[in-house]
Amino acid sequence: MTNQQVDFFKELAYIQEYCINVRVGKEKSFSNIEELLKDVTFEVIYRIMELLDGYGGELPRCNIVNSATCEVINEGIELHDKCVDFLDNPLNSTKA
């Protein structure tokens, strides 16, 4: 792997560890396991979107390219901002 690839995976490992550690201390505040899992996965997704937007660690912004159409999926948007609304209410977030 290249140095940038290693750095990217190190950031992912940090995100995973951070999100687990923060939630373990708060596990009693969740009424059931589904609520806990939803909260943890939301936080992990959000932080990965921040990473791709260029806000995590030392990595620059990444483009997500649809290999079939060559369209840059994250062109003109901040993924971490968009994912909040979408994950909170995915059925109402199908609008462009």
PDB file of N, CA and C in Angstrom:
ATOM      1  N   MET A   1       0.832  -1.178   0.000  1.00  0.00           N
ATOM      2  CA  MET A   1       0.000   0.000   0.000  1.00  0.00           C
ATOM      3  C   MET A   1       0.882   1.249   0.000  1.00  0.00           C
ATOM      4  N   THR A   2       0.326   2.312  -0.550  1.00  0.00           N
ATOM      5  CA  THR A   2       1.045   3.588  -0.538  1.00  0.00           C
ATOM      6  C   THR A   2       0.933   4.224   0.844  1.00  0.00           C
ATOM      7  N   ASN A   3       1.763   5.241   1.084  1.00  0.00           N
ATOM      8  CA  ASN A   3       1.703   5.950   2.363  1.00  0.00           C
ATOM      9  C   ASN A   3       0.340   6.599   2.576  1.00  0.00           C
ATOM     10  N   GLN A   4      -0.251   7.163   1.521  1.00  0.00           N
ATOM     11  CA  GLN A   4      -1.571   7.774   1.655  1.00  0.00           C
ATOM     12  C   GLN A   4      -2.638   6.733   1.977  1.00  0.00           C
ATOM     13  N   GLN A   5      -2.535   5.568   1.396  1.00  0.00           N
ATOM     14  CA  GLN A   5      -3.492   4.501   1.704  1.00  0.00           C
ATOM     15  C   GLN A   5      -3.367   4.069   3.154  1.00  0.00           C
ATOM     16  N   VAL A   6      -2.148   3.936   3.632  1.00  0.00           N
ATOM     17  CA  VAL A   6      -1.919   3.582   5.036  1.00  0.00           C
ATOM     18  C   VAL A   6      -2.492   4.667   5.937  1.00  0.00           C
ATOM     19  N   ASP A   7      -2.234   5.931   5.612  1.00  0.00           N
ATOM     20  CA  ASP A   7      -2.771   7.034   6.406  1.00  0.00           C
ATOM     21  C   ASP A   7      -4.297   7.015   6.425  1.00  0.00           C
ATOM     22  N   PHE A   8      -4.904   6.720   5.288  1.00  0.00           N
ATOM     23  CA  PHE A   8      -6.362   6.655   5.202  1.00  0.00           C
ATOM     24  C   PHE A   8      -6.903   5.570   6.130  1.00  0.00           C
ATOM     25  N   PHE A   9      -6.308   4.392   6.086  1.00  0.00           N
ATOM     26  CA  PHE A   9      -6.781   3.301   6.940  1.00  0.00           C
ATOM     27  C   PHE A   9      -6.500   3.563   8.425  1.00  0.00           C
ATOM     28  N   LYS A  10      -5.412   4.261   8.712  1.00  0.00           N
ATOM     29  CA  LYS A  10      -5.152   4.653  10.102  1.00  0.00           C
ATOM     30  C   LYS A  10      -6.242   5.593  10.600  1.00  0.00           C
ATOM     31  N   GLU A  11      -6.680   6.518   9.760  1.00  0.00           N
ATOM     32  CA  GLU A  11      -7.766   7.426  10.131  1.00  0.00           C
ATOM     33  C   GLU A  11      -9.060   6.650  10.367  1.00  0.00           C
ATOM     34  N   LEU A  12      -9.339   5.668   9.526  1.00  0.00           N
ATOM     35  CA  LEU A  12     -10.540   4.838   9.728  1.00  0.00           C
ATOM     36  C   LEU A  12     -10.466   4.086  11.050  1.00  0.00           C
ATOM     37  N   ALA A  13      -9.301   3.548  11.371  1.00  0.00           N
ATOM     38  CA  ALA A  13      -9.127   2.834  12.639  1.00  0.00           C
ATOM     39  C   ALA A  13      -9.319   3.779  13.816  1.00  0.00           C
ATOM     40  N   TYR A  14      -8.806   5.007  13.685  1.00  0.00           N
ATOM     41  CA  TYR A  14      -8.990   6.000  14.748  1.00  0.00           C
ATOM     42  C   TYR A  14     -10.476   6.323  14.924  1.00  0.00           C
ATOM     43  N   ILE A  15     -11.191   6.525  13.818  1.00  0.00           N
ATOM     44  CA  ILE A  15     -12.627   6.816  13.883  1.00  0.00           C
ATOM     45  C   ILE A  15     -13.361   5.689  14.595  1.00  0.00           C
ATOM     46  N   GLN A  16     -13.072   4.460  14.245  1.00  0.00           N
ATOM     47  CA  GLN A  16     -13.728   3.316  14.874  1.00  0.00           C
ATOM     48  C   GLN A  16     -13.460   3.301  16.375  1.00  0.00           C
ATOM     49  N   GLU A  17     -12.213   3.430  16.746  1.00  0.00           N
ATOM     50  CA  GLU A  17     -11.832   3.381  18.156  1.00  0.00           C
ATOM     51  C   GLU A  17     -12.461   4.526  18.941  1.00  0.00           C
ATOM     52  N   TYR A  18     -12.423   5.717  18.376  1.00  0.00           N
ATOM     53  CA  TYR A  18     -12.990   6.896  19.031  1.00  0.00           C
ATOM     54  C   TYR A  18     -14.490   6.713  19.273  1.00  0.00           C
ATOM     55  N   CYS A  19     -15.212   6.304  18.246  1.00  0.00           N
ATOM     56  CA  CYS A  19     -16.670   6.176  18.359  1.00  0.00           C
ATOM     57  C   CYS A  19     -17.064   5.092  19.351  1.00  0.00           C
ATOM     58  N   ILE A  20     -16.334   4.014  19.385  1.00  0.00           N
ATOM     59  CA  ILE A  20     -16.608   2.956  20.358  1.00  0.00           C
ATOM     60  C   ILE A  20     -16.353   3.457  21.765  1.00  0.00           C
ATOM     61  N   ASN A  21     -15.215   4.084  21.982  1.00  0.00           N
ATOM     62  CA  ASN A  21     -14.858   4.547  23.322  1.00  0.00           C
ATOM     63  C   ASN A  21     -15.829   5.591  23.851  1.00  0.00           C
ATOM     64  N   VAL A  22     -16.277   6.498  23.010  1.00  0.00           N
ATOM     65  CA  VAL A  22     -17.229   7.520  23.450  1.00  0.00           C
ATOM     66  C   VAL A  22     -18.552   6.875  23.849  1.00  0.00           C
ATOM     67  N   ARG A  23     -19.015   5.910  23.084  1.00  0.00           N
ATOM     68  CA  ARG A  23     -20.325   5.305  23.347  1.00  0.00           C
ATOM     69  C   ARG A  23     -20.300   4.312  24.505  1.00  0.00           C
ATOM     70  N   VAL A  24     -19.187   3.638  24.722  1.00  0.00           N
ATOM     71  CA  VAL A  24     -19.113   2.668  25.816  1.00  0.00           C
ATOM     72  C   VAL A  24     -19.409   3.355  27.150  1.00  0.00           C
ATOM     73  N   GLY A  25     -18.921   4.541  27.320  1.00  0.00           N
ATOM     74  CA  GLY A  25     -19.165   5.275  28.557  1.00  0.00           C
ATOM     75  C   GLY A  25     -20.592   5.763  28.702  1.00  0.00           C
ATOM     76  N   LYS A  26     -21.345   5.771  27.606  1.00  0.00           N
ATOM     77  CA  LYS A  26     -22.712   6.282  27.628  1.00  0.00           C
ATOM     78  C   LYS A  26     -23.757   5.189  27.392  1.00  0.00           C
ATOM     79  N   GLU A  27     -23.349   3.936  27.456  1.00  0.00           N
ATOM     80  CA  GLU A  27     -24.256   2.850  27.075  1.00  0.00           C
ATOM     81  C   GLU A  27     -25.535   2.806  27.898  1.00  0.00           C
ATOM     82  N   LYS A  28     -25.494   3.245  29.132  1.00  0.00           N
ATOM     83  CA  LYS A  28     -26.684   3.210  29.985  1.00  0.00           C
ATOM     84  C   LYS A  28     -27.700   4.280  29.601  1.00  0.00           C
ATOM     85  N   SER A  29     -27.293   5.267  28.805  1.00  0.00           N
ATOM     86  CA  SER A  29     -28.221   6.314  28.383  1.00  0.00           C
ATOM     87  C   SER A  29     -29.115   5.875  27.228  1.00  0.00           C
ATOM     88  N   PHE A  30     -28.858   4.696  26.657  1.00  0.00           N
ATOM     89  CA  PHE A  30     -29.666   4.177  25.555  1.00  0.00           C
ATOM     90  C   PHE A  30     -30.687   3.190  26.101  1.00  0.00           C
ATOM     91  N   SER A  31     -31.907   3.263  25.575  1.00  0.00           N
ATOM     92  CA  SER A  31     -32.973   2.403  26.088  1.00  0.00           C
ATOM     93  C   SER A  31     -32.900   0.971  25.561  1.00  0.00           C
ATOM     94  N   ASN A  32     -32.226   0.781  24.415  1.00  0.00           N
ATOM     95  CA  ASN A  32     -32.097  -0.578  23.877  1.00  0.00           C
ATOM     96  C   ASN A  32     -30.878  -0.645  22.953  1.00  0.00           C
ATOM     97  N   ILE A  33     -30.529  -1.834  22.557  1.00  0.00           N
ATOM     98  CA  ILE A  33     -29.334  -2.054  21.742  1.00  0.00           C
ATOM     99  C   ILE A  33     -29.479  -1.422  20.360  1.00  0.00           C
ATOM    100  N   GLU A  34     -30.681  -1.412  19.821  1.00  0.00           N
ATOM    101  CA  GLU A  34     -30.892  -0.801  18.501  1.00  0.00           C
ATOM    102  C   GLU A  34     -30.574   0.694  18.538  1.00  0.00           C
ATOM    103  N   GLU A  35     -31.002   1.367  19.576  1.00  0.00           N
ATOM    104  CA  GLU A  35     -30.722   2.793  19.739  1.00  0.00           C
ATOM    105  C   GLU A  35     -29.210   3.038  19.850  1.00  0.00           C
ATOM    106  N   LEU A  36     -28.539   2.211  20.610  1.00  0.00           N
ATOM    107  CA  LEU A  36     -27.086   2.325  20.756  1.00  0.00           C
ATOM    108  C   LEU A  36     -26.381   2.110  19.416  1.00  0.00           C
ATOM    109  N   LEU A  37     -26.770   1.054  18.713  1.00  0.00           N
ATOM    110  CA  LEU A  37     -26.134   0.753  17.429  1.00  0.00           C
ATOM    111  C   LEU A  37     -26.398   1.846  16.403  1.00  0.00           C
ATOM    112  N   LYS A  38     -27.607   2.378  16.389  1.00  0.00           N
ATOM    113  CA  LYS A  38     -27.930   3.455  15.460  1.00  0.00           C
ATOM    114  C   LYS A  38     -27.061   4.674  15.752  1.00  0.00           C
ATOM    115  N   ASP A  39     -26.871   4.990  17.021  1.00  0.00           N
ATOM    116  CA  ASP A  39     -26.057   6.131  17.405  1.00  0.00           C
ATOM    117  C   ASP A  39     -24.593   5.924  17.021  1.00  0.00           C
ATOM    118  N   VAL A  40     -24.063   4.757  17.299  1.00  0.00           N
ATOM    119  CA  VAL A  40     -22.660   4.475  16.979  1.00  0.00           C
ATOM    120  C   VAL A  40     -22.432   4.488  15.468  1.00  0.00           C
ATOM    121  N   THR A  41     -23.293   3.829  14.724  1.00  0.00           N
ATOM    122  CA  THR A  41     -23.093   3.783  13.275  1.00  0.00           C
ATOM    123  C   THR A  41     -23.279   5.157  12.649  1.00  0.00           C
ATOM    124  N   PHE A  42     -24.217   5.957  13.167  1.00  0.00           N
ATOM    125  CA  PHE A  42     -24.390   7.324  12.683  1.00  0.00           C
ATOM    126  C   PHE A  42     -23.093   8.105  12.865  1.00  0.00           C
ATOM    127  N   GLU A  43     -22.514   8.014  14.049  1.00  0.00           N
ATOM    128  CA  GLU A  43     -21.277   8.758  14.341  1.00  0.00           C
ATOM    129  C   GLU A  43     -20.127   8.293  13.453  1.00  0.00           C
ATOM    130  N   VAL A  44     -20.017   6.999  13.225  1.00  0.00           N
ATOM    131  CA  VAL A  44     -18.947   6.468  12.363  1.00  0.00           C
ATOM    132  C   VAL A  44     -19.139   6.976  10.930  1.00  0.00           C
ATOM    133  N   ILE A  45     -20.358   6.898  10.421  1.00  0.00           N
ATOM    134  CA  ILE A  45     -20.621   7.360   9.051  1.00  0.00           C
ATOM    135  C   ILE A  45     -20.307   8.849   8.930  1.00  0.00           C
ATOM    136  N   TYR A  46     -20.770   9.632   9.897  1.00  0.00           N
ATOM    137  CA  TYR A  46     -20.531  11.072   9.874  1.00  0.00           C
ATOM    138  C   TYR A  46     -19.034  11.380   9.850  1.00  0.00           C
ATOM    139  N   ARG A  47     -18.282  10.709  10.674  1.00  0.00           N
ATOM    140  CA  ARG A  47     -16.844  10.980  10.740  1.00  0.00           C
ATOM    141  C   ARG A  47     -16.112  10.511   9.483  1.00  0.00           C
ATOM    142  N   ILE A  48     -16.576   9.445   8.862  1.00  0.00           N
ATOM    143  CA  ILE A  48     -15.988   9.020   7.581  1.00  0.00           C
ATOM    144  C   ILE A  48     -16.301  10.050   6.503  1.00  0.00           C
ATOM    145  N   MET A  49     -17.502  10.597   6.515  1.00  0.00           N
ATOM    146  CA  MET A  49     -17.846  11.640   5.546  1.00  0.00           C
ATOM    147  C   MET A  49     -16.981  12.884   5.767  1.00  0.00           C
ATOM    148  N   GLU A  50     -16.718  13.234   7.035  1.00  0.00           N
ATOM    149  CA  GLU A  50     -15.794  14.337   7.332  1.00  0.00           C
ATOM    150  C   GLU A  50     -14.406  14.042   6.766  1.00  0.00           C
ATOM    151  N   LEU A  51     -13.956  12.815   6.934  1.00  0.00           N
ATOM    152  CA  LEU A  51     -12.651  12.411   6.424  1.00  0.00           C
ATOM    153  C   LEU A  51     -12.592  12.594   4.904  1.00  0.00           C
ATOM    154  N   LEU A  52     -13.626  12.146   4.211  1.00  0.00           N
ATOM    155  CA  LEU A  52     -13.672  12.283   2.754  1.00  0.00           C
ATOM    156  C   LEU A  52     -13.774  13.747   2.328  1.00  0.00           C
ATOM    157  N   ASP A  53     -14.407  14.572   3.171  1.00  0.00           N
ATOM    158  CA  ASP A  53     -14.520  16.004   2.889  1.00  0.00           C
ATOM    159  C   ASP A  53     -13.226  16.759   3.175  1.00  0.00           C
ATOM    160  N   GLY A  54     -12.249  16.077   3.747  1.00  0.00           N
ATOM    161  CA  GLY A  54     -10.955  16.705   4.002  1.00  0.00           C
ATOM    162  C   GLY A  54     -10.795  17.276   5.395  1.00  0.00           C
ATOM    163  N   TYR A  55     -11.681  16.924   6.316  1.00  0.00           N
ATOM    164  CA  TYR A  55     -11.626  17.468   7.674  1.00  0.00           C
ATOM    165  C   TYR A  55     -11.023  16.511   8.689  1.00  0.00           C
ATOM    166  N   GLY A  56     -10.593  15.355   8.271  1.00  0.00           N
ATOM    167  CA  GLY A  56     -10.049  14.387   9.219  1.00  0.00           C
ATOM    168  C   GLY A  56      -8.563  14.224   9.058  1.00  0.00           C
ATOM    169  N   GLY A  57      -7.837  14.320  10.135  1.00  0.00           N
ATOM    170  CA  GLY A  57      -6.404  14.064  10.092  1.00  0.00           C
ATOM    171  C   GLY A  57      -5.691  14.970   9.115  1.00  0.00           C
ATOM    172  N   GLU A  58      -4.727  14.394   8.426  1.00  0.00           N
ATOM    173  CA  GLU A  58      -3.888  15.152   7.497  1.00  0.00           C
ATOM    174  C   GLU A  58      -4.249  14.884   6.041  1.00  0.00           C
ATOM    175  N   LEU A  59      -5.331  14.189   5.809  1.00  0.00           N
ATOM    176  CA  LEU A  59      -5.668  13.798   4.446  1.00  0.00           C
ATOM    177  C   LEU A  59      -6.444  14.895   3.720  1.00  0.00           C
ATOM    178  N   PRO A  60      -6.180  15.084   2.433  1.00  0.00           N
ATOM    179  CA  PRO A  60      -6.931  16.084   1.659  1.00  0.00           C
ATOM    180  C   PRO A  60      -8.321  15.566   1.300  1.00  0.00           C
ATOM    181  N   ARG A  61      -9.158  16.458   0.813  1.00  0.00           N
ATOM    182  CA  ARG A  61     -10.500  16.092   0.359  1.00  0.00           C
ATOM    183  C   ARG A  61     -10.393  15.017  -0.717  1.00  0.00           C
ATOM    184  N   CYS A  62     -11.293  14.069  -0.665  1.00  0.00           N
ATOM    185  CA  CYS A  62     -11.318  12.982  -1.637  1.00  0.00           C
ATOM    186  C   CYS A  62     -12.524  13.137  -2.556  1.00  0.00           C
ATOM    187  N   ASN A  63     -12.373  12.757  -3.801  1.00  0.00           N
ATOM    188  CA  ASN A  63     -13.506  12.702  -4.717  1.00  0.00           C
ATOM    189  C   ASN A  63     -14.004  11.270  -4.776  1.00  0.00           C
ATOM    190  N   ILE A  64     -15.310  11.120  -4.755  1.00  0.00           N
ATOM    191  CA  ILE A  64     -15.920   9.802  -4.929  1.00  0.00           C
ATOM    192  C   ILE A  64     -16.448   9.763  -6.357  1.00  0.00           C
ATOM    193  N   VAL A  65     -15.871   8.881  -7.160  1.00  0.00           N
ATOM    194  CA  VAL A  65     -16.188   8.840  -8.581  1.00  0.00           C
ATOM    195  C   VAL A  65     -16.941   7.556  -8.911  1.00  0.00           C
ATOM    196  N   ASN A  66     -18.085   7.723  -9.573  1.00  0.00           N
ATOM    197  CA  ASN A  66     -18.827   6.585 -10.094  1.00  0.00           C
ATOM    198  C   ASN A  66     -18.031   6.065 -11.288  1.00  0.00           C
ATOM    199  N   SER A  67     -17.482   4.876 -11.175  1.00  0.00           N
ATOM    200  CA  SER A  67     -16.592   4.369 -12.222  1.00  0.00           C
ATOM    201  C   SER A  67     -17.319   4.073 -13.529  1.00  0.00           C
ATOM    202  N   ALA A  68     -18.636   3.885 -13.498  1.00  0.00           N
ATOM    203  CA  ALA A  68     -19.385   3.631 -14.726  1.00  0.00           C
ATOM    204  C   ALA A  68     -19.679   4.916 -15.495  1.00  0.00           C
ATOM    205  N   THR A  69     -19.960   6.004 -14.773  1.00  0.00           N
ATOM    206  CA  THR A  69     -20.357   7.254 -15.437  1.00  0.00           C
ATOM    207  C   THR A  69     -19.298   8.350 -15.338  1.00  0.00           C
ATOM    208  N   CYS A  70     -18.282   8.158 -14.517  1.00  0.00           N
ATOM    209  CA  CYS A  70     -17.232   9.142 -14.231  1.00  0.00           C
ATOM    210  C   CYS A  70     -17.761  10.370 -13.499  1.00  0.00           C
ATOM    211  N   GLU A  71     -18.986  10.311 -13.008  1.00  0.00           N
ATOM    212  CA  GLU A  71     -19.563  11.422 -12.247  1.00  0.00           C
ATOM    213  C   GLU A  71     -18.920  11.473 -10.864  1.00  0.00           C
ATOM    214  N   VAL A  72     -18.542  12.671 -10.432  1.00  0.00           N
ATOM    215  CA  VAL A  72     -18.016  12.865  -9.089  1.00  0.00           C
ATOM    216  C   VAL A  72     -19.225  13.047  -8.170  1.00  0.00           C
ATOM    217  N   ILE A  73     -19.495  12.060  -7.357  1.00  0.00           N
ATOM    218  CA  ILE A  73     -20.702  12.020  -6.536  1.00  0.00           C
ATOM    219  C   ILE A  73     -20.723  13.139  -5.500  1.00  0.00           C
ATOM    220  N   ASN A  74     -19.588  13.508  -4.992  1.00  0.00           N
ATOM    221  CA  ASN A  74     -19.561  14.524  -3.939  1.00  0.00           C
ATOM    222  C   ASN A  74     -19.187  15.913  -4.465  1.00  0.00           C
ATOM    223  N   GLU A  75     -19.363  16.141  -5.760  1.00  0.00           N
ATOM    224  CA  GLU A  75     -19.057  17.453  -6.319  1.00  0.00           C
ATOM    225  C   GLU A  75     -20.085  18.482  -5.853  1.00  0.00           C
ATOM    226  N   GLY A  76     -19.588  19.582  -5.298  1.00  0.00           N
ATOM    227  CA  GLY A  76     -20.458  20.676  -4.893  1.00  0.00           C
ATOM    228  C   GLY A  76     -21.192  20.485  -3.578  1.00  0.00           C
ATOM    229  N   ILE A  77     -20.866  19.431  -2.835  1.00  0.00           N
ATOM    230  CA  ILE A  77     -21.520  19.216  -1.541  1.00  0.00           C
ATOM    231  C   ILE A  77     -20.486  18.819  -0.494  1.00  0.00           C
ATOM    232  N   GLU A  78     -20.855  19.014   0.738  1.00  0.00           N
ATOM    233  CA  GLU A  78     -20.087  18.512   1.871  1.00  0.00           C
ATOM    234  C   GLU A  78     -20.818  17.257   2.350  1.00  0.00           C
ATOM    235  N   LEU A  79     -20.183  16.119   2.210  1.00  0.00           N
ATOM    236  CA  LEU A  79     -20.824  14.849   2.554  1.00  0.00           C
ATOM    237  C   LEU A  79     -21.281  14.800   4.006  1.00  0.00           C
ATOM    238  N   HIS A  80     -20.468  15.307   4.920  1.00  0.00           N
ATOM    239  CA  HIS A  80     -20.825  15.214   6.336  1.00  0.00           C
ATOM    240  C   HIS A  80     -22.064  16.041   6.649  1.00  0.00           C
ATOM    241  N   ASP A  81     -22.282  17.143   5.942  1.00  0.00           N
ATOM    242  CA  ASP A  81     -23.504  17.923   6.145  1.00  0.00           C
ATOM    243  C   ASP A  81     -24.723  17.195   5.588  1.00  0.00           C
ATOM    244  N   LYS A  82     -24.608  16.668   4.410  1.00  0.00           N
ATOM    245  CA  LYS A  82     -25.735  15.988   3.761  1.00  0.00           C
ATOM    246  C   LYS A  82     -26.135  14.705   4.483  1.00  0.00           C
ATOM    247  N   CYS A  83     -25.162  13.994   5.044  1.00  0.00           N
ATOM    248  CA  CYS A  83     -25.489  12.707   5.664  1.00  0.00           C
ATOM    249  C   CYS A  83     -26.330  12.883   6.921  1.00  0.00           C
ATOM    250  N   VAL A  84     -26.192  14.012   7.622  1.00  0.00           N
ATOM    251  CA  VAL A  84     -26.971  14.230   8.839  1.00  0.00           C
ATOM    252  C   VAL A  84     -28.460  14.205   8.516  1.00  0.00           C
ATOM    253  N   ASP A  85     -28.883  15.018   7.552  1.00  0.00           N
ATOM    254  CA  ASP A  85     -30.300  15.057   7.185  1.00  0.00           C
ATOM    255  C   ASP A  85     -30.768  13.721   6.621  1.00  0.00           C
ATOM    256  N   PHE A  86     -29.939  13.120   5.797  1.00  0.00           N
ATOM    257  CA  PHE A  86     -30.346  11.874   5.157  1.00  0.00           C
ATOM    258  C   PHE A  86     -30.486  10.733   6.159  1.00  0.00           C
ATOM    259  N   LEU A  87     -29.539  10.575   7.042  1.00  0.00           N
ATOM    260  CA  LEU A  87     -29.593   9.471   8.003  1.00  0.00           C
ATOM    261  C   LEU A  87     -30.694   9.673   9.034  1.00  0.00           C
ATOM    262  N   ASP A  88     -31.003  10.926   9.367  1.00  0.00           N
ATOM    263  CA  ASP A  88     -32.096  11.192  10.302  1.00  0.00           C
ATOM    264  C   ASP A  88     -33.450  10.865   9.687  1.00  0.00           C
ATOM    265  N   ASN A  89     -33.591  11.041   8.377  1.00  0.00           N
ATOM    266  CA  ASN A  89     -34.876  10.801   7.729  1.00  0.00           C
ATOM    267  C   ASN A  89     -34.661  10.401   6.272  1.00  0.00           C
ATOM    268  N   PRO A  90     -34.209   9.172   6.022  1.00  0.00           N
ATOM    269  CA  PRO A  90     -33.831   8.761   4.663  1.00  0.00           C
ATOM    270  C   PRO A  90     -34.986   8.765   3.660  1.00  0.00           C
ATOM    271  N   LEU A  91     -36.227   8.576   4.112  1.00  0.00           N
ATOM    272  CA  LEU A  91     -37.354   8.538   3.176  1.00  0.00           C
ATOM    273  C   LEU A  91     -37.683   9.913   2.608  1.00  0.00           C
ATOM    274  N   ASN A  92     -37.332  10.970   3.326  1.00  0.00           N
ATOM    275  CA  ASN A  92     -37.599  12.325   2.853  1.00  0.00           C
ATOM    276  C   ASN A  92     -36.376  12.985   2.250  1.00  0.00           C
ATOM    277  N   SER A  93     -35.311  12.255   2.069  1.00  0.00           N
ATOM    278  CA  SER A  93     -34.056  12.853   1.607  1.00  0.00           C
ATOM    279  C   SER A  93     -33.671  12.433   0.199  1.00  0.00           C
ATOM    280  N   THR A  94     -34.625  12.032  -0.600  1.00  0.00           N
ATOM    281  CA  THR A  94     -34.310  11.577  -1.953  1.00  0.00           C
ATOM    282  C   THR A  94     -34.233  12.728  -2.942  1.00  0.00           C
ATOM    283  N   LYS A  95     -34.538  13.948  -2.508  1.00  0.00           N
ATOM    284  CA  LYS A  95     -34.457  15.119  -3.383  1.00  0.00           C
ATOM    285  C   LYS A  95     -32.998  15.504  -3.596  1.00  0.00           C
ATOM    286  N   ALA A  96     -32.683  15.999  -4.746  1.00  0.00           N
ATOM    287  CA  ALA A  96     -31.310  16.442  -5.049  1.00  0.00           C
ATOM    288  C   ALA A  96     -30.997  17.743  -4.346  1.00  0.00           C
TER     289      ALA A  96
END
